[in-house]
C-alpha atoms as a PDB file:
ATOM      1  CA  MET A   1     -30.525  -8.267  34.514  1.00  0.00           C
ATOM      2  CA  SER A   2     -27.795  -9.850  31.849  1.00  0.00           C
ATOM      3  CA  ARG A   3     -25.835 -12.892  32.152  1.00  0.00           C
ATOM      4  CA  PHE A   4     -22.596 -13.546  32.422  1.00  0.00           C
ATOM      5  CA  LYS A   5     -20.489 -15.706  29.629  1.00  0.00           C
ATOM      6  CA  ILE A   6     -16.998 -16.148  29.642  1.00  0.00           C
ATOM      7  CA  PRO A   7     -15.349 -14.375  26.534  1.00  0.00           C
ATOM      8  CA  LYS A   8     -14.319 -16.320  23.459  1.00  0.00           C
ATOM      9  CA  MET A   9     -10.713 -15.926  23.059  1.00  0.00           C
ATOM     10  CA  PRO A  10      -9.954 -15.459  19.034  1.00  0.00           C
ATOM     11  CA  SER A  11      -7.720 -18.261  17.990  1.00  0.00           C
ATOM     12  CA  THR A  12      -4.542 -17.911  17.104  1.00  0.00           C
ATOM     13  CA  VAL A  13      -1.778 -19.025  14.727  1.00  0.00           C
ATOM     14  CA  ASN A  14       1.428 -19.301  15.783  1.00  0.00           C
ATOM     15  CA  LYS A  15       3.720 -17.757  13.141  1.00  0.00           C
ATOM     16  CA  THR A  16       7.729 -17.454  13.125  1.00  0.00           C
ATOM     17  CA  ILE A  17       9.073 -13.941  11.647  1.00  0.00           C
ATOM     18  CA  ARG A  18      12.465 -12.334  11.836  1.00  0.00           C
ATOM     19  CA  PHE A  19      12.497  -8.919  13.152  1.00  0.00           C
ATOM     20  CA  PRO A  20      15.522  -6.957  12.780  1.00  0.00           C
ATOM     21  CA  GLN A  21      17.175  -6.125  16.156  1.00  0.00           C
ATOM     22  CA  ALA A  22      17.097  -2.216  15.570  1.00  0.00           C
ATOM     23  CA  ILE A  23      12.970  -2.799  15.577  1.00  0.00           C
ATOM     24  CA  VAL A  24      12.446  -5.105  18.105  1.00  0.00           C
ATOM     25  CA  ASP A  25      14.740  -2.812  20.417  1.00  0.00           C
ATOM     26  CA  GLN A  26      12.363   0.270  19.544  1.00  0.00           C
ATOM     27  CA  VAL A  27       9.282  -1.842  20.511  1.00  0.00           C
ATOM     28  CA  GLU A  28      10.487  -3.002  23.116  1.00  0.00           C
ATOM     29  CA  LEU A  29      11.518   0.298  24.767  1.00  0.00           C
ATOM     30  CA  GLU A  30       7.996   1.722  23.501  1.00  0.00           C
ATOM     31  CA  LEU A  31       6.671  -1.424  25.616  1.00  0.00           C
ATOM     32  CA  GLN A  32       8.375  -0.455  28.736  1.00  0.00           C
ATOM     33  CA  GLY A  33       5.876   0.496  31.629  1.00  0.00           C
ATOM     34  CA  THR A  34       2.545  -1.306  29.969  1.00  0.00           C
ATOM     35  CA  SER A  35       1.034  -4.285  29.622  1.00  0.00           C
ATOM     36  CA  CYS A  36       1.513  -5.042  26.255  1.00  0.00           C
ATOM     37  CA  ASN A  37       3.385  -7.420  25.466  1.00  0.00           C
ATOM     38  CA  PHE A  38       5.386  -7.645  21.920  1.00  0.00           C
ATOM     39  CA  SER A  39       3.056 -10.220  20.413  1.00  0.00           C
ATOM     40  CA  GLN A  40      -0.283  -8.072  21.181  1.00  0.00           C
ATOM     41  CA  PHE A  41       1.941  -4.893  19.952  1.00  0.00           C
ATOM     42  CA  VAL A  42       2.269  -7.017  16.389  1.00  0.00           C
ATOM     43  CA  ILE A  43      -1.146  -7.840  16.465  1.00  0.00           C
ATOM     44  CA  GLU A  44      -2.542  -4.569  16.851  1.00  0.00           C
ATOM     45  CA  ALA A  45       0.088  -2.523  14.344  1.00  0.00           C
ATOM     46  CA  THR A  46      -1.094  -5.397  11.832  1.00  0.00           C
ATOM     47  CA  ARG A  47      -4.346  -4.776  12.309  1.00  0.00           C
ATOM     48  CA  VAL A  48      -3.823  -0.975  11.497  1.00  0.00           C
ATOM     49  CA  ALA A  49      -2.310  -1.408   8.907  1.00  0.00           C
ATOM     50  CA  LEU A  50      -4.343  -3.519   7.457  1.00  0.00           C
ATOM     51  CA  GLU A  51      -7.643  -1.084   8.289  1.00  0.00           C
ATOM     52  CA  ASN A  52      -4.966   1.925   6.501  1.00  0.00           C
ATOM     53  CA  LEU A  53      -4.714  -0.915   2.968  1.00  0.00           C
ATOM     54  CA  ALA A  54      -8.163  -1.085   3.214  1.00  0.00           C
ATOM     55  CA  GLU A  55      -8.826   2.377   3.799  1.00  0.00           C
ATOM     56  CA  ASP A  56      -6.321   3.645   0.859  1.00  0.00           C
ATOM     57  CA  ARG A  57      -7.645   0.980  -1.349  1.00  0.00           C
ATOM     58  CA  GLU A  58     -11.461   2.917  -0.881  1.00  0.00           C
ATOM     59  CA  MET A  59      -9.837   6.231  -1.521  1.00  0.00           C
ATOM     60  CA  GLU A  60      -8.211   4.838  -4.705  1.00  0.00           C
ATOM     61  CA  ALA A  61     -11.057   3.416  -6.176  1.00  0.00           C
ATOM     62  CA  GLY A  62     -13.581   6.498  -5.352  1.00  0.00           C
ATOM     63  CA  ARG A  63     -10.931   8.663  -6.666  1.00  0.00           C
ATOM     64  CA  GLU A  64     -10.645   6.500 -10.278  1.00  0.00           C
ATOM     65  CA  GLU A  65     -14.630   6.695 -10.280  1.00  0.00           C
ATOM     66  CA  ARG A  66     -15.028  10.673 -10.164  1.00  0.00           C
ATOM     67  CA  GLN A  67     -11.505  10.771 -12.672  1.00  0.00           C
ATOM     68  CA  ASN A  68     -13.969   8.255 -14.963  1.00  0.00           C
ATOM     69  CA  LYS A  69     -16.895  10.800 -14.298  1.00  0.00           C
ATOM     70  CA  SER A  70     -15.243  13.347 -15.092  1.00  0.00           C
ATOM     71  CA  GLU A  71     -13.874  12.250 -18.536  1.00  0.00           C
ATOM     72  CA  LYS A  72     -17.597  11.179 -19.657  1.00  0.00           C
ATOM     73  CA  ASP A  73     -19.021  14.667 -19.049  1.00  0.00           C
END
Protein backbone atom coordinates (compact mmCIF):
# COMPACT_ATOMS: atom_id res chain seq x y z
CA MET A 1 0.00 0.00 0.00
CA SER A 2 1.30 3.49 -0.85
CA ARG A 3 1.99 5.86 1.99
CA PHE A 4 0.45 9.28 1.96
CA LYS A 5 2.91 12.15 1.60
CA ILE A 6 2.01 15.79 1.86
CA PRO A 7 2.93 17.29 -1.51
CA LYS A 8 5.60 19.97 -1.56
CA MET A 9 4.67 23.21 -3.23
CA PRO A 10 7.44 24.63 -5.39
CA SER A 11 9.00 27.72 -3.89
CA THR A 12 7.88 30.94 -5.45
CA VAL A 13 9.34 34.40 -5.85
CA ASN A 14 7.28 37.54 -5.72
CA LYS A 15 7.72 39.64 -8.88
CA THR A 16 5.92 42.84 -9.72
CA ILE A 17 5.18 43.25 -13.42
CA ARG A 18 3.05 45.67 -15.36
CA PHE A 19 0.49 44.51 -17.92
CA PRO A 20 -1.43 46.61 -20.40
CA GLN A 21 -5.00 46.96 -19.12
CA ALA A 22 -6.40 45.40 -22.32
CA ILE A 23 -4.42 42.18 -21.69
CA VAL A 24 -5.52 42.03 -18.05
CA ASP A 25 -9.12 42.45 -19.18
CA GLN A 26 -8.78 39.65 -21.76
CA VAL A 27 -7.16 37.26 -19.27
CA GLU A 28 -9.74 37.98 -16.58
CA LEU A 29 -12.52 37.40 -19.11
CA GLU A 30 -11.01 34.02 -20.03
CA LEU A 31 -10.68 33.07 -16.36
CA GLN A 32 -14.32 33.72 -15.51
CA GLY A 33 -16.02 30.51 -14.45
CA THR A 34 -12.74 28.65 -13.96
CA SER A 35 -10.80 27.76 -10.83
CA CYS A 36 -7.65 29.37 -12.27
CA ASN A 37 -6.41 32.69 -10.93
CA PHE A 38 -4.37 35.34 -12.73
CA SER A 39 -1.05 34.16 -11.26
CA GLN A 40 -1.69 30.54 -12.23
CA PHE A 41 -2.57 31.65 -15.75
CA VAL A 42 0.62 33.71 -16.10
CA ILE A 43 2.76 30.88 -14.72
CA GLU A 44 1.27 28.36 -17.16
CA ALA A 45 1.50 30.77 -20.09
CA THR A 46 5.15 31.44 -19.25
CA ARG A 47 5.90 27.71 -18.91
CA VAL A 48 4.36 27.00 -22.32
CA ALA A 49 6.20 29.94 -23.90
CA LEU A 50 9.52 28.65 -22.51
CA GLU A 51 8.78 25.15 -23.87
CA ASN A 52 7.96 26.64 -27.28
CA LEU A 53 11.22 28.60 -27.30
CA ALA A 54 13.21 25.48 -26.41
CA GLU A 55 11.46 23.51 -29.18
CA ASP A 56 12.17 26.31 -31.65
CA ARG A 57 15.88 26.27 -30.70
CA GLU A 58 16.00 22.48 -31.13
CA MET A 59 14.33 22.72 -34.54
CA GLU A 60 16.70 25.49 -35.62
CA ALA A 61 19.73 23.49 -34.43
CA GLY A 62 18.50 20.46 -36.39
CA ARG A 63 17.91 22.59 -39.47
CA GLU A 64 21.43 24.05 -39.24
CA GLU A 65 22.89 20.58 -38.72
CA ARG A 66 21.11 19.25 -41.83
CA GLN A 67 22.20 22.29 -43.82
CA ASN A 68 25.82 21.90 -42.74
CA LYS A 69 25.71 18.19 -43.60
CA SER A 70 24.28 18.85 -47.06
CA GLU A 71 26.93 21.51 -47.72
CA LYS A 72 29.67 18.96 -46.91
CA ASP A 73 28.19 16.35 -49.29
